[in-house]
Amino acid sequence: MIDGMSEPTIALVTGANKGIGYEIAAGLGALGWRIGVGARDEQRRETAVEKLRAAGIDAFGVPLDVTDDESVSAAAELIADHAGGLDVLVNNAAITGGSPQIPTTLASATVRAVVETNVIGVIRVTNAMLPMLRASASPRIVNMSSSVGSLALQTTPDIDMGPVPTAYLASKTFLNAVTIQYVKELSDTNILINSGCPGFTATDLNGFRGVRTPQQGAAIAIHLATLPDDGPTGGFFDDAGTVPW
């Protein structure tokens, strides 16, 4: 529960069937929250729900394809009917689009697919869930970004960000820009909106080459989802603090 809320906090985590998303769901669920496990793959979604429930977490499955308008609308209706509202949205679902992604040979179809999931998908889900979030006493939106999307870090000579796929990198820069615009538009509400970077985490997104565990990667999202009412909004954070835009 957030602050003094008497009812269980309701959270939706997209892409929660595996990796960082699953650990975000597990971490928030361990706080006594009710967790909507958003995922498009039915078998993996239900397996995740069963595993969370076995750990004592109040979890329920939310069929959700962030690239499909009807799926997102249906997910919002399901949450409203099943949980009665929504307090926290964690936009975690993302794809890389595969590798390599060199600008001079990058297929436009790859860019479209990555942006459709990583950016438009976030907009689609956020807008569908906003009516419920507006009605919450302490609403939070957490957009899972990445420091590879930081223009400041990408243009610092002494910092090597590695061979990051171009479309994925650009999608996170795009997501950061969109997040700032949501903050501006919703500045007269009590919704706290922040971007979080999980660090180089070992998941299937990067072929498990990361140096952090999914549980470690989930920590920043859990922190931002549980901010007090006077907490920051419009920021970009990782475990060490503020990430430059």
Protein backbone atom coordinates (compact mmCIF):
# COMPACT_ATOMS: atom_id res chain seq x y z
CA MET A 1 0.00 0.00 0.00
CA ILE A 2 1.15 3.54 -0.75
CA ASP A 3 1.23 5.93 2.20
CA GLY A 4 -1.98 5.58 4.21
CA MET A 5 -4.13 3.80 1.65
CA SER A 6 -6.40 1.30 3.39
CA GLU A 7 -7.15 -0.84 0.35
CA PRO A 8 -4.45 -2.92 -1.36
CA THR A 9 -2.54 -0.99 -3.99
CA ILE A 10 -3.33 -2.24 -7.50
CA ALA A 11 -0.46 -2.33 -9.99
CA LEU A 12 -0.16 -3.35 -13.63
CA VAL A 13 3.25 -4.44 -14.88
CA THR A 14 3.56 -4.92 -18.64
CA GLY A 15 5.86 -7.66 -19.88
CA ALA A 16 5.64 -9.24 -16.44
CA ASN A 17 5.85 -12.88 -17.46
CA LYS A 18 9.64 -13.05 -17.31
CA GLY A 19 12.91 -11.28 -16.53
CA ILE A 20 12.83 -7.82 -15.00
CA GLY A 21 9.07 -7.52 -15.41
CA TYR A 22 8.45 -10.65 -13.40
CA GLU A 23 10.78 -9.47 -10.64
CA ILE A 24 9.03 -6.09 -10.53
CA ALA A 25 5.72 -7.92 -10.10
CA ALA A 26 7.23 -10.15 -7.40
CA GLY A 27 8.79 -7.22 -5.55
CA LEU A 28 5.62 -5.13 -5.53
CA GLY A 29 3.49 -8.15 -4.71
CA ALA A 30 5.67 -8.89 -1.69
CA LEU A 31 4.54 -5.52 -0.30
CA GLY A 32 0.97 -6.78 -0.16
CA TRP A 33 -0.04 -5.19 -3.45
CA ARG A 34 -2.42 -6.79 -5.93
CA ILE A 35 -0.55 -7.31 -9.20
CA GLY A 36 -1.83 -7.47 -12.75
CA VAL A 37 0.60 -9.56 -14.76
CA GLY A 38 0.45 -8.07 -18.25
CA ALA A 39 1.73 -10.29 -21.07
CA ARG A 40 0.58 -11.42 -24.50
CA ASP A 41 1.78 -15.04 -24.30
CA GLU A 42 -0.98 -16.92 -22.48
CA GLN A 43 1.09 -19.86 -21.28
CA ARG A 44 3.96 -17.77 -19.95
CA ARG A 45 1.54 -15.29 -18.40
CA GLU A 46 -0.38 -17.97 -16.52
CA THR A 47 2.83 -19.71 -15.46
CA ALA A 48 4.06 -16.42 -13.98
CA VAL A 49 0.74 -15.87 -12.19
CA GLU A 50 0.86 -19.37 -10.70
CA LYS A 51 4.44 -18.87 -9.54
CA LEU A 52 3.59 -15.53 -7.92
CA ARG A 53 0.53 -16.98 -6.22
CA ALA A 54 2.62 -19.87 -4.92
CA ALA A 55 4.80 -17.23 -3.26
CA GLY A 56 1.76 -15.75 -1.53
CA ILE A 57 1.28 -12.84 -3.94
CA ASP A 58 -2.18 -11.67 -5.00
CA ALA A 59 -1.61 -11.82 -8.76
CA PHE A 60 -3.96 -12.04 -11.71
CA GLY A 61 -3.30 -12.38 -15.41
CA VAL A 62 -3.95 -9.54 -17.85
CA PRO A 63 -3.89 -10.56 -21.53
CA LEU A 64 -2.02 -7.65 -23.06
CA ASP A 65 -0.40 -6.95 -26.41
CA VAL A 66 0.86 -3.37 -26.15
CA THR A 67 0.89 -3.05 -29.95
CA ASP A 68 -2.84 -3.73 -30.30
CA ASP A 69 -5.53 -1.16 -29.51
CA GLU A 70 -8.25 -3.72 -28.83
CA SER A 71 -6.02 -5.77 -26.54
CA VAL A 72 -5.10 -2.71 -24.49
CA SER A 73 -8.72 -1.55 -24.23
CA ALA A 74 -9.77 -5.02 -23.11
CA ALA A 75 -6.98 -5.05 -20.53
CA ALA A 76 -8.20 -1.77 -19.05
CA GLU A 77 -11.75 -3.15 -18.82
CA LEU A 78 -10.49 -6.35 -17.19
CA ILE A 79 -8.55 -4.43 -14.54
CA ALA A 80 -11.53 -2.17 -13.83
CA ASP A 81 -13.86 -5.16 -13.48
CA HIS A 82 -11.45 -7.48 -11.66
CA ALA A 83 -9.60 -5.04 -9.40
CA GLY A 84 -11.87 -2.02 -9.32
CA GLY A 85 -9.17 0.44 -10.34
CA LEU A 86 -5.45 1.01 -10.79
CA ASP A 87 -2.88 2.86 -8.68
CA VAL A 88 0.44 2.07 -10.34
CA LEU A 89 1.43 1.43 -13.95
CA VAL A 90 4.86 0.06 -14.79
CA ASN A 91 5.52 0.19 -18.53
CA ASN A 92 8.15 -2.51 -18.81
CA ALA A 93 7.36 -4.39 -22.05
CA ALA A 94 10.05 -3.83 -24.69
CA ILE A 95 11.91 -5.45 -27.58
CA THR A 96 15.37 -4.82 -29.07
CA GLY A 97 14.52 -5.74 -32.64
CA GLY A 98 17.52 -8.04 -32.88
CA SER A 99 21.17 -7.39 -33.70
CA PRO A 100 23.18 -6.03 -35.35
CA GLN A 101 21.51 -2.68 -35.93
CA ILE A 102 23.96 -0.42 -37.76
CA PRO A 103 22.40 2.84 -38.98
CA THR A 104 23.57 2.47 -42.58
CA THR A 105 22.04 -1.01 -42.97
CA LEU A 106 19.14 -0.77 -40.52
CA ALA A 107 15.83 -1.85 -42.02
CA SER A 108 13.01 0.64 -41.62
CA ALA A 109 10.70 -2.23 -40.66
CA THR A 110 12.91 -2.96 -37.65
CA VAL A 111 12.71 0.65 -36.49
CA ARG A 112 8.92 0.63 -36.85
CA ALA A 113 8.56 -2.60 -34.89
CA VAL A 114 10.78 -1.40 -32.04
CA VAL A 115 9.09 2.00 -31.77
CA GLU A 116 5.64 0.39 -31.97
CA THR A 117 6.37 -1.64 -28.85
CA ASN A 118 8.77 0.54 -26.88
CA VAL A 119 7.18 3.93 -27.46
CA ILE A 120 3.74 3.77 -29.04
CA GLY A 121 2.92 0.79 -26.83
CA VAL A 122 3.72 2.86 -23.73
CA ILE A 123 1.51 5.70 -25.00
CA ARG A 124 -1.29 3.29 -25.84
CA VAL A 125 -1.25 1.57 -22.45
CA THR A 126 -0.77 4.77 -20.45
CA ASN A 127 -3.69 6.51 -22.12
CA ALA A 128 -5.96 3.52 -21.60
CA MET A 129 -5.08 3.31 -17.90
CA LEU A 130 -5.13 7.06 -17.18
CA PRO A 131 -8.81 7.30 -16.17
CA MET A 132 -8.22 4.76 -13.41
CA LEU A 133 -4.92 6.34 -12.38
CA ARG A 134 -6.55 9.76 -12.13
CA ALA A 135 -9.05 8.29 -9.69
CA SER A 136 -6.31 6.84 -7.44
CA ALA A 137 -5.24 8.55 -4.22
CA SER A 138 -1.52 8.04 -4.96
CA PRO A 139 -0.99 7.18 -8.62
CA ARG A 140 2.41 6.37 -10.09
CA ILE A 141 3.66 5.74 -13.63
CA VAL A 142 7.08 4.16 -14.13
CA ASN A 143 8.52 3.92 -17.63
CA MET A 144 11.36 1.46 -17.89
CA SER A 145 13.95 3.21 -20.02
CA SER A 146 17.71 2.75 -20.33
CA SER A 147 20.82 4.85 -19.95
CA VAL A 148 21.68 3.94 -23.55
CA GLY A 149 18.92 6.37 -24.52
CA SER A 150 20.72 9.24 -22.78
CA LEU A 151 21.97 11.73 -25.36
CA ALA A 152 24.27 13.21 -22.74
CA LEU A 153 25.97 9.88 -22.05
CA GLN A 154 26.06 8.91 -25.73
CA THR A 155 27.94 12.12 -26.57
CA THR A 156 30.42 12.04 -23.68
CA PRO A 157 33.82 11.13 -25.23
CA ASP A 158 35.12 9.03 -22.32
CA ILE A 159 31.98 6.90 -22.00
CA ASP A 160 31.63 3.75 -24.12
CA MET A 161 28.01 2.58 -24.26
CA GLY A 162 28.98 -0.47 -26.29
CA PRO A 163 27.46 -1.81 -29.53
CA VAL A 164 23.87 -0.96 -28.64
CA PRO A 165 21.30 -1.69 -31.39
CA THR A 166 20.46 1.64 -33.05
CA ALA A 167 16.66 1.24 -33.14
CA TYR A 168 16.52 0.15 -29.50
CA LEU A 169 18.74 3.04 -28.40
CA ALA A 170 16.67 5.58 -30.32
CA SER A 171 13.43 4.13 -28.95
CA LYS A 172 14.58 4.77 -25.39
CA THR A 173 15.56 8.36 -26.24
CA PHE A 174 12.09 8.72 -27.80
CA LEU A 175 10.48 7.21 -24.69
CA ASN A 176 12.34 9.64 -22.43
CA ALA A 177 11.04 12.57 -24.50
CA VAL A 178 7.48 11.23 -24.34
CA THR A 179 7.76 10.75 -20.57
CA ILE A 180 8.70 14.42 -20.14
CA GLN A 181 5.65 15.47 -22.16
CA TYR A 182 3.34 13.38 -19.97
CA VAL A 183 4.85 15.04 -16.90
CA LYS A 184 4.15 18.47 -18.37
CA GLU A 185 0.58 17.67 -19.39
CA LEU A 186 -0.28 16.03 -16.06
CA SER A 187 1.52 18.56 -13.87
CA ASP A 188 -1.76 19.65 -12.30
CA THR A 189 -2.50 16.10 -11.09
CA ASN A 190 -1.07 14.01 -8.27
CA ILE A 191 0.40 11.44 -10.67
CA LEU A 192 4.15 10.93 -10.21
CA ILE A 193 5.78 9.94 -13.50
CA ASN A 194 9.41 8.85 -13.80
CA SER A 195 11.78 6.91 -16.04
CA GLY A 196 13.97 4.18 -14.61
CA CYS A 197 17.08 2.40 -15.90
CA PRO A 198 17.61 -1.18 -14.67
CA GLY A 199 21.27 -1.29 -15.63
CA PHE A 200 22.93 -3.96 -17.79
CA THR A 201 20.76 -6.84 -16.65
CA ALA A 202 21.04 -10.44 -17.84
CA THR A 203 17.80 -11.16 -19.72
CA ASP A 204 16.81 -12.69 -23.04
CA LEU A 205 16.65 -9.11 -24.36
CA ASN A 206 20.47 -9.08 -24.51
CA GLY A 207 21.16 -12.79 -24.77
CA PHE A 208 21.77 -12.93 -21.01
CA ARG A 209 25.04 -11.00 -21.40
CA GLY A 210 24.18 -8.54 -18.63
CA VAL A 211 26.08 -8.35 -15.35
CA ARG A 212 23.07 -7.68 -13.10
CA THR A 213 20.34 -10.10 -12.05
CA PRO A 214 16.69 -9.44 -13.01
CA GLN A 215 15.98 -8.87 -9.32
CA GLN A 216 18.65 -6.15 -9.22
CA GLY A 217 17.28 -4.68 -12.43
CA ALA A 218 13.80 -4.51 -10.94
CA ALA A 219 14.90 -2.48 -7.91
CA ILE A 220 14.64 0.96 -9.55
CA ALA A 221 11.10 0.31 -10.77
CA ILE A 222 10.03 -0.85 -7.32
CA HIS A 223 11.59 2.26 -5.80
CA LEU A 224 9.82 4.61 -8.22
CA ALA A 225 6.51 2.77 -7.89
CA THR A 226 6.57 3.19 -4.11
CA LEU A 227 7.57 6.86 -3.93
CA PRO A 228 5.81 8.90 -1.23
CA ASP A 229 3.30 11.54 -2.32
CA ASP A 230 5.98 14.24 -2.07
CA GLY A 231 8.44 12.21 -4.12
CA PRO A 232 10.05 13.35 -7.37
CA THR A 233 8.31 13.43 -10.73
CA GLY A 234 9.72 13.98 -14.20
CA GLY A 235 13.05 12.36 -13.38
CA PHE A 236 15.30 9.72 -14.94
CA PHE A 237 16.87 7.46 -12.33
CA ASP A 238 18.94 4.34 -11.77
CA ASP A 239 20.17 2.74 -8.57
CA ALA A 240 22.95 5.33 -8.24
CA GLY A 241 20.67 8.33 -8.60
CA THR A 242 19.86 10.67 -11.47
CA VAL A 243 20.66 9.68 -15.05
CA PRO A 244 21.36 12.61 -17.43
CA TRP A 245 18.90 13.01 -20.29
